[in-house]
Amino acid sequence: MLLNLKFIDLFAGIGGIRIPFDELGCECVFSSEWDKHAQDVYEANFGERPMGDITRIPAGKIPDHDILLAGFPCQPFSIIGSGKGFADTRGTLFFEIERIIRDKKPRAFLLENVKRLVSHDAGRTFQTILSVLKGLGYYTHWKVLNALDYGLPQKRERVIIVGFKENYPFGFPEPVKKRISLKDIIEDHSKVDKKYFASEHIMKKRMEKIKGKPTPKPSIWHENKGGNIGVHEFSCALRAGASYNYLLVDGIRRLTPREQLLLQGFPDDFKIISEIYIGKLAGNSVPVSLIREVAKSMAKAIAYGPLSKDEINLYDASQDLFARM
């Protein structure tokens, strides 16, 4: 299913949210990302350099578009103004999304953030976001989804917020049946540069901590904050600011840049400009395969069109009109 629609890519990173919408036939008419290294990678892969800090770009300089995409940073809400508190979104990066939606009035949006946004400040931050989006006139849907359920061997939970200007029959995608195996991603150790291998001291400590545990190969060994080691046939979430040996393949080496990108669902031919920054950039990115399934659900809803009054009653009862079709 193809959509002949225009979209903008805010807080674009290295383009993980963009890829599925390109695949659907949509046209990117504007992108914004402040990190220079992310801009470099984005330009190398998409042929355009994102504009910089969105807080300095007036809405009037942003082209009209049908869909707004944004993997916005999880920035705590500032309490600004007497008595306003969490009713006021100024001072947060979500405000940039709010002001652009208010001015440009796109047909739809997709926002992505970390799972903890839902519970931040006892849920008040998230409820403010939902209230703002509904106040802008959008039918809004949200759900916490896990990349493990959408074809990737990475446990990465993200909250996805989808909104439409009209009441389309949208439902979040069901988990896919088949998942890529680590075997399809992890390179042979003999072909990996020695700089990715942990020290003998680190490897010995890891081995001591997992005595008696099954160690399938390949596997990802995850050290949590308490120093405990988990051995999994999938990766725990890639993190931009993680410690050097947070994740080790088979307990002996770090993930290569290509492996990190593949764990996020980027294509095999995605260009790597500098290996130095890929760990941070991949850790800040999105699971592309998960976004792809959400994008397809959005496309299906838009192609169906707004619900009639009779269909609204049916949809409210079933929450998935397409299940009956």
Protein backbone atom coordinates (compact mmCIF):
# COMPACT_ATOMS: atom_id res chain seq x y z
CA MET A 1 0.00 0.00 0.00
CA LEU A 2 1.47 3.34 -1.10
CA LEU A 3 0.65 6.80 0.19
CA ASN A 4 1.22 9.85 -1.99
CA LEU A 5 1.63 12.12 1.04
CA LYS A 6 4.19 14.62 2.27
CA PHE A 7 5.83 14.36 5.68
CA ILE A 8 8.33 16.15 7.88
CA ASP A 9 10.96 14.45 10.05
CA LEU A 10 11.60 16.27 13.34
CA PHE A 11 14.30 15.30 15.86
CA ALA A 12 15.29 13.11 12.92
CA GLY A 13 18.42 11.46 14.32
CA ILE A 14 19.77 9.21 11.58
CA GLY A 15 16.39 8.72 9.92
CA GLY A 16 14.95 5.61 11.56
CA ILE A 17 11.38 6.90 11.55
CA ARG A 18 11.70 8.20 8.01
CA ILE A 19 12.64 4.91 6.35
CA PRO A 20 9.20 3.19 6.57
CA PHE A 21 7.42 6.29 5.25
CA ASP A 22 9.84 6.49 2.32
CA GLU A 23 8.99 2.84 1.66
CA LEU A 24 5.28 3.71 1.60
CA GLY A 25 5.90 6.22 -1.18
CA CYS A 26 5.63 9.35 0.96
CA GLU A 27 7.79 12.39 0.25
CA CYS A 28 9.94 14.01 2.94
CA VAL A 29 9.71 17.79 2.48
CA PHE A 30 11.59 18.90 5.62
CA SER A 31 13.87 17.43 8.28
CA SER A 32 15.45 18.82 11.43
CA GLU A 33 18.23 17.49 13.67
CA TRP A 34 20.70 19.47 15.78
CA ASP A 35 23.45 16.82 16.23
CA LYS A 36 26.17 17.31 13.59
CA HIS A 37 27.20 13.65 13.48
CA ALA A 38 23.59 12.56 13.04
CA GLN A 39 23.24 15.16 10.27
CA ASP A 40 26.29 13.69 8.52
CA VAL A 41 24.86 10.16 8.57
CA TYR A 42 21.39 11.37 7.54
CA GLU A 43 22.80 13.31 4.60
CA ALA A 44 24.89 10.37 3.43
CA ASN A 45 21.86 8.08 3.40
CA PHE A 46 19.02 10.35 2.28
CA GLY A 47 20.80 12.93 0.15
CA GLU A 48 19.72 15.91 2.21
CA ARG A 49 21.12 17.58 5.30
CA PRO A 50 18.58 18.24 8.06
CA MET A 51 18.14 21.79 9.22
CA GLY A 52 19.44 22.45 12.73
CA ASP A 53 17.83 23.35 16.04
CA ILE A 54 14.04 23.23 15.60
CA THR A 55 13.59 25.78 18.38
CA ARG A 56 15.13 28.38 16.04
CA ILE A 57 13.01 27.53 13.00
CA PRO A 58 9.72 29.45 12.62
CA ALA A 59 6.73 27.36 11.58
CA GLY A 60 6.40 29.61 8.52
CA LYS A 61 9.68 28.21 7.16
CA ILE A 62 8.40 24.63 7.39
CA PRO A 63 6.59 23.37 4.26
CA ASP A 64 2.98 22.25 4.44
CA HIS A 65 2.77 18.52 5.02
CA ASP A 66 0.34 15.66 5.61
CA ILE A 67 2.19 13.74 8.33
CA LEU A 68 4.46 14.96 11.12
CA LEU A 69 7.04 12.48 12.45
CA ALA A 70 9.01 13.12 15.63
CA GLY A 71 11.12 10.98 17.94
CA PHE A 72 11.33 13.83 20.41
CA PRO A 73 13.68 13.75 23.42
CA CYS A 74 12.20 12.85 26.80
CA GLN A 75 12.81 16.19 28.47
CA PRO A 76 11.18 16.79 31.88
CA PHE A 77 8.49 19.42 31.77
CA SER A 78 9.40 22.74 33.30
CA ILE A 79 6.93 24.32 35.66
CA ILE A 80 6.57 27.76 34.16
CA GLY A 81 4.17 30.48 35.13
CA SER A 82 2.18 31.01 38.27
CA GLY A 83 -0.26 28.20 38.84
CA LYS A 84 0.12 26.71 35.34
CA GLY A 85 2.44 23.84 36.19
CA PHE A 86 1.89 20.87 33.88
CA ALA A 87 -0.82 22.65 31.93
CA ASP A 88 1.98 24.66 30.32
CA THR A 89 4.34 22.93 27.86
CA ARG A 90 6.59 25.92 27.18
CA GLY A 91 10.24 25.25 27.91
CA THR A 92 10.01 21.65 26.70
CA LEU A 93 10.86 20.18 23.32
CA PHE A 94 7.33 18.82 23.04
CA PHE A 95 6.25 22.46 22.73
CA GLU A 96 8.04 22.58 19.37
CA ILE A 97 5.81 19.78 18.12
CA GLU A 98 2.76 21.49 19.57
CA ARG A 99 3.46 24.82 17.87
CA ILE A 100 4.13 23.23 14.48
CA ILE A 101 0.99 21.08 14.62
CA ARG A 102 -1.02 24.13 15.68
CA ASP A 103 0.29 26.17 12.76
CA LYS A 104 0.53 23.57 9.97
CA LYS A 105 -2.41 21.32 10.91
CA PRO A 106 -1.16 18.07 9.33
CA ARG A 107 -3.56 15.21 8.64
CA ALA A 108 -1.68 12.89 10.98
CA PHE A 109 1.33 12.53 13.26
CA LEU A 110 3.50 9.80 14.75
CA LEU A 111 5.50 10.53 17.90
CA GLU A 112 7.98 8.17 19.57
CA ASN A 113 9.54 8.28 23.01
CA VAL A 114 10.93 6.10 25.79
CA LYS A 115 8.56 3.96 27.82
CA ARG A 116 9.22 5.90 31.03
CA LEU A 117 7.53 8.98 29.56
CA VAL A 118 4.20 7.31 30.39
CA SER A 119 5.00 7.23 34.12
CA HIS A 120 7.06 10.44 34.40
CA ASP A 121 5.89 12.52 37.36
CA ALA A 122 3.20 9.99 38.27
CA GLY A 123 1.83 10.14 34.74
CA ARG A 124 1.09 13.86 34.75
CA THR A 125 3.61 14.68 32.01
CA PHE A 126 2.09 12.13 29.65
CA GLN A 127 -1.46 13.19 30.40
CA THR A 128 -0.47 16.77 29.59
CA ILE A 129 0.89 15.66 26.23
CA LEU A 130 -2.29 13.73 25.41
CA SER A 131 -4.48 16.62 26.52
CA VAL A 132 -2.55 19.06 24.35
CA LEU A 133 -2.82 16.81 21.29
CA LYS A 134 -6.54 16.25 21.78
CA GLY A 135 -6.97 19.98 22.39
CA LEU A 136 -5.40 20.60 18.99
CA GLY A 137 -8.26 18.62 17.49
CA TYR A 138 -6.68 15.20 16.93
CA TYR A 139 -8.02 11.72 17.53
CA THR A 140 -5.11 10.34 19.52
CA HIS A 141 -3.99 6.75 20.13
CA TRP A 142 -1.03 5.53 22.16
CA LYS A 143 0.57 2.27 23.19
CA VAL A 144 3.87 0.94 24.56
CA LEU A 145 5.33 -1.44 22.00
CA ASN A 146 8.38 -3.72 22.21
CA ALA A 147 10.77 -4.21 19.29
CA LEU A 148 10.97 -7.91 20.26
CA ASP A 149 7.37 -8.26 19.08
CA TYR A 150 8.08 -6.68 15.69
CA GLY A 151 10.81 -8.80 14.21
CA LEU A 152 13.94 -7.57 15.97
CA PRO A 153 16.13 -9.44 18.50
CA GLN A 154 16.27 -6.41 20.80
CA LYS A 155 14.16 -5.77 23.90
CA ARG A 156 13.35 -2.11 23.32
CA GLU A 157 10.10 -0.72 24.68
CA ARG A 158 8.85 2.58 23.29
CA VAL A 159 5.67 4.58 23.62
CA ILE A 160 4.14 5.39 20.25
CA ILE A 161 1.55 8.16 19.91
CA VAL A 162 -0.46 8.36 16.70
CA GLY A 163 -2.98 11.08 15.89
CA PHE A 164 -5.34 11.93 13.04
CA LYS A 165 -7.23 15.11 12.20
CA GLU A 166 -10.21 12.94 11.24
CA ASN A 167 -11.51 9.82 12.93
CA TYR A 168 -9.81 7.06 10.97
CA PRO A 169 -10.16 3.38 12.01
CA PHE A 170 -6.63 3.04 13.37
CA GLY A 171 -5.44 0.12 15.44
CA PHE A 172 -1.90 -0.60 16.59
CA PRO A 173 -0.32 -3.54 14.75
CA GLU A 174 -0.38 -7.04 16.17
CA PRO A 175 3.00 -8.64 16.94
CA VAL A 176 4.63 -10.30 13.94
CA LYS A 177 5.14 -14.05 13.97
CA LYS A 178 8.75 -14.21 12.87
CA ARG A 179 11.76 -12.53 14.48
CA ILE A 180 15.20 -12.06 13.00
CA SER A 181 17.70 -14.29 14.80
CA LEU A 182 20.90 -13.01 16.37
CA LYS A 183 22.60 -15.48 14.03
CA ASP A 184 21.51 -13.29 11.13
CA ILE A 185 23.12 -10.21 12.70
CA ILE A 186 26.17 -11.22 14.72
CA GLU A 187 29.40 -11.40 12.75
CA ASP A 188 31.92 -14.22 13.10
CA HIS A 189 34.32 -13.24 15.89
CA SER A 190 37.31 -14.07 13.70
CA LYS A 191 36.26 -11.34 11.26
CA VAL A 192 35.79 -8.63 13.89
CA ASP A 193 38.50 -6.06 14.61
CA LYS A 194 40.33 -6.77 17.88
CA LYS A 195 39.50 -3.28 19.13
CA TYR A 196 35.96 -4.48 19.86
CA PHE A 197 37.09 -7.25 22.21
CA ALA A 198 36.92 -6.80 25.96
CA SER A 199 40.03 -7.08 28.10
CA GLU A 200 41.04 -10.42 29.60
CA HIS A 201 40.12 -9.02 33.02
CA ILE A 202 36.56 -8.12 31.93
CA MET A 203 36.04 -11.45 30.16
CA LYS A 204 37.21 -13.37 33.22
CA LYS A 205 34.85 -11.43 35.52
CA ARG A 206 31.94 -12.12 33.15
CA MET A 207 32.71 -15.83 33.04
CA GLU A 208 32.83 -16.05 36.83
CA LYS A 209 29.43 -14.39 37.17
CA ILE A 210 27.60 -16.70 34.75
CA LYS A 211 28.92 -20.03 36.02
CA GLY A 212 26.14 -22.59 35.79
CA LYS A 213 24.02 -20.54 33.40
CA PRO A 214 23.28 -21.78 29.87
CA THR A 215 25.24 -19.79 27.29
CA PRO A 216 23.78 -20.26 23.80
CA LYS A 217 25.76 -18.88 20.89
CA PRO A 218 25.44 -16.29 19.73
CA SER A 219 24.09 -14.53 22.80
CA ILE A 220 24.23 -11.05 24.26
CA TRP A 221 25.49 -10.73 27.81
CA HIS A 222 23.90 -7.80 29.61
CA GLU A 223 25.31 -6.30 32.80
CA ASN A 224 22.66 -4.45 34.80
CA LYS A 225 23.19 -1.64 37.32
CA GLY A 226 23.57 -4.15 40.13
CA GLY A 227 26.41 -5.90 38.33
CA ASN A 228 24.39 -9.01 37.56
CA ILE A 229 24.83 -10.65 34.17
CA GLY A 230 21.94 -11.80 31.99
CA VAL A 231 22.60 -14.06 29.00
CA HIS A 232 20.01 -13.72 26.23
CA GLU A 233 19.36 -14.78 22.66
CA PHE A 234 18.40 -11.17 22.03
CA SER A 235 19.91 -7.82 22.96
CA CYS A 236 18.74 -5.61 25.75
CA ALA A 237 18.04 -2.04 24.64
CA LEU A 238 20.93 -0.25 22.98
CA ARG A 239 21.73 2.88 24.98
CA ALA A 240 23.58 5.99 23.88
CA GLY A 241 25.19 6.60 27.26
CA ALA A 242 25.81 3.01 28.30
CA SER A 243 29.05 1.86 29.89
CA TYR A 244 31.73 0.53 27.58
CA ASN A 245 31.02 -3.14 28.33
CA TYR A 246 27.25 -2.88 28.97
CA LEU A 247 26.51 -5.44 26.25
CA LEU A 248 29.00 -8.13 25.19
CA VAL A 249 28.55 -10.67 22.42
CA ASP A 250 29.17 -14.14 23.88
CA GLY A 251 30.77 -12.35 26.83
CA ILE A 252 33.89 -11.45 24.88
CA ARG A 253 33.34 -8.42 22.66
CA ARG A 254 31.27 -5.33 22.05
CA LEU A 255 28.81 -4.99 19.21
CA THR A 256 30.20 -3.58 15.98
CA PRO A 257 28.56 -0.48 14.44
CA ARG A 258 26.94 -2.62 11.73
CA GLU A 259 25.54 -5.04 14.30
CA GLN A 260 24.07 -2.15 16.29
CA LEU A 261 22.34 -0.75 13.23
CA LEU A 262 20.99 -4.17 12.27
CA LEU A 263 19.64 -4.64 15.80
CA GLN A 264 17.69 -1.44 15.23
CA GLY A 265 16.35 -2.73 11.93
CA PHE A 266 18.35 -0.50 9.58
CA PRO A 267 19.04 -2.00 6.14
CA ASP A 268 22.30 -3.82 5.37
CA ASP A 269 23.42 -1.06 3.03
CA PHE A 270 22.84 1.83 5.44
CA LYS A 271 25.95 3.98 5.18
CA ILE A 272 28.25 4.37 8.21
CA ILE A 273 30.20 7.63 8.08
CA SER A 274 32.25 7.24 11.26
CA GLU A 275 32.34 4.21 13.53
CA ILE A 276 33.22 6.45 16.48
CA TYR A 277 29.74 7.92 16.80
CA ILE A 278 27.51 5.06 15.65
CA GLY A 279 27.12 3.65 19.17
CA LYS A 280 25.57 6.89 20.38
CA LEU A 281 23.54 7.46 17.22
CA ALA A 282 22.19 3.90 17.11
CA GLY A 283 21.40 4.03 20.82
CA ASN A 284 19.38 7.21 20.27
CA SER A 285 17.56 5.84 17.25
CA VAL A 286 14.33 3.87 16.87
CA PRO A 287 13.58 0.23 16.03
CA VAL A 288 12.81 0.65 12.33
CA SER A 289 10.89 -2.62 12.03
CA LEU A 290 8.50 -1.55 14.80
CA ILE A 291 7.91 1.85 13.17
CA ARG A 292 7.34 0.08 9.83
CA GLU A 293 4.41 -1.89 11.25
CA VAL A 294 2.88 1.24 12.80
CA ALA A 295 3.33 3.13 9.52
CA LYS A 296 1.52 0.37 7.63
CA SER A 297 -1.35 0.53 10.11
CA MET A 298 -1.52 4.30 9.63
CA ALA A 299 -1.54 3.85 5.85
CA LYS A 300 -4.35 1.33 6.08
CA ALA A 301 -6.42 3.68 8.25
CA ILE A 302 -5.84 6.69 5.95
CA ALA A 303 -6.67 4.62 2.86
CA TYR A 304 -9.95 3.50 4.43
CA GLY A 305 -10.98 7.07 5.17
CA PRO A 306 -12.91 8.70 8.03
CA LEU A 307 -15.47 6.59 9.84
CA SER A 308 -19.16 7.19 9.36
CA LYS A 309 -21.39 7.62 12.41
CA ASP A 310 -22.50 3.98 12.22
CA GLU A 311 -18.90 2.79 11.83
CA ILE A 312 -17.79 4.87 14.81
CA ASN A 313 -20.15 2.90 17.05
CA LEU A 314 -18.86 -0.36 15.61
CA TYR A 315 -15.25 0.77 15.92
CA ASP A 316 -15.71 1.91 19.52
CA ALA A 317 -17.04 -1.55 20.34
CA SER A 318 -14.36 -3.52 18.54
CA GLN A 319 -11.33 -1.13 18.54
CA ASP A 320 -10.34 -2.87 15.34
CA LEU A 321 -12.67 -2.42 12.41
CA PHE A 322 -10.25 -4.21 10.10
CA ALA A 323 -10.53 -7.40 12.11
CA ARG A 324 -14.10 -7.66 10.78
CA MET A 325 -13.18 -7.05 7.15
